[in-house]
Amino acid sequence: DMAAEKTETCYQDCCVDSFMFYLEHSGEHQAILQTFRLYFIISLHVYSLFAGQVDVQILTLLQSILPGIQITSDVVEGSIKLTDNFKALVAKTANLKNVQFHWHIMSSEDYEKQVKAVEHVKKFDLIHMIQMIYYVGDLAATIQFYHGLLKKNGRLMIIVETANGGWDTLWKTHKNDLCTHTITEYRSSGEVKACLDKLGLKYDEHPVPNTFDISECFNPKSKLGCDLLNFMTAKDDFHASFTPEIREAILNVLKNKCSTQKDGKIMFNSNLSCILIHA
């Protein structure tokens, strides 16, 4: 599909490698899964936007809770490489053999157009949007569309960086320096909840606590530190992308406003929010 091949997302080519490096270092997926185990919804028809390792583990958990029940999973992901990684994980995971997958390699907006063009629309028990709400153009319209795909008693799960957490503080303090490419408007749980309130949708919010060590970011000779800074600022080369003054200001915010010091380490506040929206 030529349209799928031309789709551009934040996670294409080398960006995928940067993203996978970040997940390995930050422990973010483990934190999300721990929260999911606490607040899981029994689901038969699962729809995921932004495919990855966490999807496989969520489906594995659902399969263990619902043995013998047919689960279908529709996956929307604009990155061909991330989708291929997901398919490879599925192939290696024995207890997902009974899960029926439907793959949609396209952006959320393109999927929305595709769904609106057909007469009979598929409904879902659970739709999850994990760390992808930053990349949609119209937040309210996106939430309304996917909320409309829920079955009765279904849930729309949005996992996003928490308001006033480390990411929110960094990206809003340096909005003019960071919101220049794929992400043009940074959104945290604050913006999502304000949107849900305006739409009159009922929801519950659950914390997803997480921190990770960014001490190496303050050593310019550290490859680990440079790789982290590249990902956290969405740049190919942090040190070459900003003036010395902006670099110093970003490092100052990271150390003094986004983190706490513990046992000689600088621990970045990477707390997330899990927002469960009722059908």
Protein backbone atom coordinates (compact mmCIF):
# COMPACT_ATOMS: atom_id res chain seq x y z
CA ASP A 1 0.00 0.00 0.00
CA MET A 2 1.74 3.14 -1.22
CA ALA A 3 -0.23 5.38 1.12
CA ALA A 4 0.94 3.37 4.10
CA GLU A 5 4.54 3.54 2.94
CA LYS A 6 4.39 7.33 2.71
CA THR A 7 2.88 7.75 6.18
CA GLU A 8 5.15 9.77 8.44
CA THR A 9 5.08 9.49 12.21
CA CYS A 10 7.40 10.43 15.02
CA TYR A 11 8.74 6.88 15.09
CA GLN A 12 10.29 6.09 11.71
CA ASP A 13 13.75 4.71 10.95
CA CYS A 14 16.39 5.88 13.48
CA CYS A 15 13.69 7.41 15.72
CA VAL A 16 12.39 3.90 16.43
CA ASP A 17 15.81 2.89 17.74
CA SER A 18 15.89 5.99 19.96
CA PHE A 19 12.41 5.17 21.26
CA MET A 20 13.32 1.55 22.03
CA PHE A 21 16.47 2.73 23.82
CA TYR A 22 14.36 5.09 25.94
CA LEU A 23 11.88 2.35 26.88
CA GLU A 24 14.70 0.06 27.98
CA HIS A 25 16.27 2.77 30.16
CA SER A 26 13.13 4.38 31.62
CA GLY A 27 11.07 1.35 32.67
CA GLU A 28 7.98 3.14 31.36
CA HIS A 29 6.23 0.08 29.93
CA GLN A 30 6.67 -1.85 33.17
CA ALA A 31 5.01 1.02 35.06
CA ILE A 32 2.10 1.06 32.59
CA LEU A 33 1.61 -2.70 32.87
CA GLN A 34 1.61 -2.57 36.65
CA THR A 35 -1.20 0.00 36.53
CA PHE A 36 -3.08 -2.02 33.92
CA ARG A 37 -2.99 -5.08 36.16
CA LEU A 38 -4.55 -3.02 38.95
CA TYR A 39 -7.29 -1.44 36.84
CA PHE A 40 -7.75 -3.86 33.91
CA ILE A 41 -11.04 -4.15 32.05
CA ILE A 42 -12.26 -7.57 30.88
CA SER A 43 -12.27 -7.12 27.12
CA LEU A 44 -12.96 -9.18 24.04
CA HIS A 45 -12.47 -6.67 21.24
CA VAL A 46 -9.35 -4.59 21.76
CA TYR A 47 -8.24 -1.64 19.68
CA SER A 48 -4.77 -0.18 20.12
CA LEU A 49 -3.26 2.99 18.77
CA PHE A 50 0.52 3.21 18.90
CA ALA A 51 1.62 -0.42 18.79
CA GLY A 52 4.42 -1.91 20.85
CA GLN A 53 5.68 -4.28 23.49
CA VAL A 54 3.07 -3.17 26.01
CA ASP A 55 0.26 -4.32 23.68
CA VAL A 56 1.60 -7.87 23.63
CA GLN A 57 1.77 -7.95 27.42
CA ILE A 58 -1.73 -6.46 27.82
CA LEU A 59 -3.14 -9.05 25.43
CA THR A 60 -1.23 -11.82 27.22
CA LEU A 61 -2.76 -10.65 30.52
CA LEU A 62 -6.26 -10.56 29.05
CA GLN A 63 -5.76 -14.01 27.52
CA SER A 64 -4.73 -15.43 30.91
CA ILE A 65 -7.78 -13.88 32.57
CA LEU A 66 -10.12 -15.03 29.79
CA PRO A 67 -8.84 -18.46 28.69
CA GLY A 68 -10.69 -19.86 25.71
CA ILE A 69 -12.36 -16.54 24.87
CA GLN A 70 -11.78 -15.22 21.33
CA ILE A 71 -10.04 -11.85 21.48
CA THR A 72 -9.72 -9.65 18.41
CA SER A 73 -7.21 -6.83 18.27
CA ASP A 74 -7.20 -4.00 15.73
CA VAL A 75 -3.87 -2.20 15.65
CA VAL A 76 -3.37 1.28 14.18
CA GLU A 77 0.27 2.36 13.89
CA GLY A 78 1.84 4.70 11.37
CA SER A 79 5.35 3.29 11.75
CA ILE A 80 6.09 0.29 9.53
CA LYS A 81 9.12 -0.62 11.66
CA LEU A 82 7.17 -0.56 14.95
CA THR A 83 4.40 -2.62 13.36
CA ASP A 84 6.95 -5.19 12.12
CA ASN A 85 8.44 -5.31 15.65
CA PHE A 86 4.95 -5.88 17.08
CA LYS A 87 4.23 -8.69 14.58
CA ALA A 88 7.55 -10.36 15.46
CA LEU A 89 6.69 -10.21 19.19
CA VAL A 90 3.25 -11.70 18.49
CA ALA A 91 4.82 -14.55 16.52
CA LYS A 92 7.13 -15.34 19.46
CA THR A 93 4.35 -15.22 22.09
CA ALA A 94 2.76 -18.65 22.24
CA ASN A 95 -0.42 -17.76 24.15
CA LEU A 96 -1.48 -15.15 21.57
CA LYS A 97 -2.22 -17.76 18.92
CA ASN A 98 -5.95 -17.41 19.60
CA VAL A 99 -5.93 -13.62 19.22
CA GLN A 100 -7.12 -12.41 15.83
CA PHE A 101 -5.17 -9.36 14.66
CA HIS A 102 -6.13 -6.72 12.10
CA TRP A 103 -3.25 -4.45 11.11
CA HIS A 104 -3.76 -0.85 9.94
CA ILE A 105 -0.45 0.81 9.03
CA MET A 106 -1.64 4.41 8.93
CA SER A 107 -2.09 7.48 11.06
CA SER A 108 -5.00 7.91 13.44
CA GLU A 109 -6.45 10.57 11.13
CA ASP A 110 -6.26 8.26 8.09
CA TYR A 111 -7.93 5.44 10.01
CA GLU A 112 -10.70 7.81 11.03
CA LYS A 113 -11.33 8.69 7.37
CA GLN A 114 -11.38 4.99 6.46
CA VAL A 115 -13.92 4.14 9.17
CA LYS A 116 -16.19 7.05 8.28
CA ALA A 117 -16.28 5.84 4.66
CA VAL A 118 -17.94 2.50 5.53
CA GLU A 119 -21.54 1.86 6.50
CA HIS A 120 -21.11 -0.71 9.28
CA VAL A 121 -18.63 0.40 11.93
CA LYS A 122 -16.90 -2.13 14.19
CA LYS A 123 -17.27 -1.49 17.93
CA PHE A 124 -14.76 -2.30 20.68
CA ASP A 125 -14.73 -3.24 24.37
CA LEU A 126 -11.42 -1.51 24.99
CA ILE A 127 -9.59 1.13 22.97
CA HIS A 128 -6.23 2.19 24.31
CA MET A 129 -4.16 5.19 23.27
CA ILE A 130 -0.78 4.87 24.97
CA GLN A 131 1.52 7.86 24.60
CA MET A 132 0.05 8.90 21.23
CA ILE A 133 -2.30 11.78 22.06
CA TYR A 134 0.58 14.22 21.45
CA TYR A 135 0.55 13.46 17.74
CA VAL A 136 -3.09 14.11 16.79
CA GLY A 137 -4.19 17.40 15.30
CA ASP A 138 -7.59 17.92 16.94
CA LEU A 139 -7.70 16.46 20.45
CA ALA A 140 -11.45 16.85 21.03
CA ALA A 141 -12.41 15.44 17.63
CA THR A 142 -10.05 12.45 18.08
CA ILE A 143 -11.47 11.59 21.52
CA GLN A 144 -15.05 11.95 20.25
CA PHE A 145 -14.36 9.68 17.27
CA TYR A 146 -12.81 6.84 19.28
CA HIS A 147 -15.33 7.22 22.10
CA GLY A 148 -17.99 6.64 19.43
CA LEU A 149 -16.40 3.26 18.60
CA LEU A 150 -16.95 1.87 22.10
CA LYS A 151 -19.43 -0.88 22.84
CA LYS A 152 -21.85 -0.46 25.72
CA ASN A 153 -19.83 -0.58 28.97
CA GLY A 154 -16.61 -0.22 26.95
CA ARG A 155 -13.67 1.94 27.97
CA LEU A 156 -11.31 4.30 26.15
CA MET A 157 -7.95 4.24 27.94
CA ILE A 158 -5.60 7.19 27.43
CA ILE A 159 -2.15 7.02 28.98
CA VAL A 160 -0.32 10.32 28.89
CA GLU A 161 2.34 12.22 30.84
CA THR A 162 0.90 13.63 34.04
CA ALA A 163 0.22 17.36 34.46
CA ASN A 164 3.14 19.21 36.11
CA GLY A 165 5.37 16.13 35.85
CA GLY A 166 8.88 16.18 34.44
CA TRP A 167 7.92 15.93 30.77
CA ASP A 168 5.15 18.52 31.11
CA THR A 169 7.49 20.95 32.87
CA LEU A 170 10.33 20.47 30.37
CA TRP A 171 8.26 20.78 27.21
CA LYS A 172 6.12 23.69 28.38
CA THR A 173 9.06 25.64 29.81
CA HIS A 174 10.90 25.25 26.49
CA LYS A 175 7.88 25.15 24.18
CA ASN A 176 9.46 27.49 21.62
CA ASP A 177 12.60 25.36 21.45
CA LEU A 178 11.01 21.89 21.49
CA CYS A 179 7.55 22.09 19.88
CA THR A 180 8.96 22.68 16.42
CA HIS A 181 8.61 19.39 14.52
CA THR A 182 6.39 16.34 15.07
CA ILE A 183 4.93 17.68 18.32
CA THR A 184 3.71 21.23 17.84
CA GLU A 185 1.52 21.37 20.96
CA TYR A 186 2.57 19.47 24.07
CA ARG A 187 -0.31 17.82 25.95
CA SER A 188 -0.38 16.32 29.41
CA SER A 189 -3.18 14.82 31.46
CA GLY A 190 -4.25 18.38 32.27
CA GLU A 191 -5.21 19.13 28.67
CA VAL A 192 -6.85 15.73 28.22
CA LYS A 193 -9.02 16.10 31.35
CA ALA A 194 -9.99 19.66 30.43
CA CYS A 195 -11.09 18.36 27.02
CA LEU A 196 -13.08 15.49 28.56
CA ASP A 197 -14.80 17.89 30.97
CA LYS A 198 -15.74 20.15 28.08
CA LEU A 199 -17.12 17.15 26.15
CA GLY A 200 -19.08 16.04 29.23
CA LEU A 201 -17.54 12.55 29.26
CA LYS A 202 -17.28 10.50 32.46
CA TYR A 203 -13.81 9.27 33.33
CA ASP A 204 -11.59 7.92 36.12
CA GLU A 205 -7.93 8.81 36.53
CA HIS A 206 -5.28 6.48 37.95
CA PRO A 207 -1.64 7.44 38.62
CA VAL A 208 1.22 5.60 36.89
CA PRO A 209 4.25 6.43 39.05
CA ASN A 210 7.64 6.23 37.36
CA THR A 211 11.11 7.77 37.65
CA PHE A 212 14.38 7.07 35.89
CA ASP A 213 18.00 8.06 36.30
CA ILE A 214 19.19 10.97 34.12
CA SER A 215 22.49 11.60 35.95
CA GLU A 216 24.47 10.82 32.78
CA CYS A 217 22.72 13.68 30.95
CA PHE A 218 24.99 16.09 32.82
CA ASN A 219 28.17 14.46 31.54
CA PRO A 220 28.72 15.74 27.97
CA LYS A 221 31.10 12.83 27.29
CA SER A 222 28.51 10.19 28.18
CA LYS A 223 26.90 8.44 25.20
CA LEU A 224 24.03 7.28 27.43
CA GLY A 225 23.46 10.86 28.54
CA CYS A 226 23.56 12.19 24.98
CA ASP A 227 21.15 9.50 23.76
CA LEU A 228 18.72 10.33 26.58
CA LEU A 229 18.90 14.06 25.86
CA ASN A 230 18.30 13.41 22.16
CA PHE A 231 15.13 11.47 22.95
CA MET A 232 13.87 13.80 25.65
CA THR A 233 14.16 16.82 23.38
CA ALA A 234 13.18 14.96 20.17
CA LYS A 235 16.43 15.99 18.45
CA ASP A 236 18.97 13.97 16.48
CA ASP A 237 21.80 15.72 18.32
CA PHE A 238 20.97 17.69 21.47
CA HIS A 239 24.34 19.39 21.71
CA ALA A 240 24.32 20.53 18.07
CA SER A 241 20.65 21.57 18.00
CA PHE A 242 20.68 24.39 20.54
CA THR A 243 22.79 27.39 21.46
CA PRO A 244 24.97 26.99 24.57
CA GLU A 245 22.54 29.22 26.49
CA ILE A 246 19.50 27.09 25.61
CA ARG A 247 21.38 23.86 26.35
CA GLU A 248 22.31 25.21 29.79
CA ALA A 249 18.73 26.34 30.45
CA ILE A 250 17.29 22.94 29.47
CA LEU A 251 19.79 21.09 31.67
CA ASN A 252 18.97 23.45 34.53
CA VAL A 253 15.23 22.76 34.18
CA LEU A 254 15.85 19.00 33.95
CA LYS A 255 17.93 18.99 37.13
CA ASN A 256 16.09 21.52 39.31
CA LYS A 257 12.45 21.44 38.19
CA CYS A 258 11.88 18.00 36.62
CA SER A 259 13.85 15.75 38.96
CA THR A 260 14.72 14.87 42.52
CA GLN A 261 18.09 13.78 43.86
CA LYS A 262 18.26 10.41 45.57
CA ASP A 263 21.34 8.44 46.64
CA GLY A 264 23.53 10.70 44.54
CA LYS A 265 21.41 10.13 41.41
CA ILE A 266 19.23 12.61 39.54
CA MET A 267 15.85 10.90 39.14
CA PHE A 268 13.57 12.33 36.46
CA ASN A 269 9.86 12.54 37.32
CA SER A 270 8.29 10.49 34.54
CA ASN A 271 4.90 9.97 36.18
CA LEU A 272 2.01 9.22 33.83
CA SER A 273 -1.77 9.26 34.13
CA CYS A 274 -4.07 6.44 33.06
CA ILE A 275 -7.43 7.99 32.15
CA LEU A 276 -10.33 5.53 31.68
CA ILE A 277 -13.23 7.09 29.79
CA HIS A 278 -16.65 5.45 30.10
CA ALA A 279 -18.76 4.64 27.04
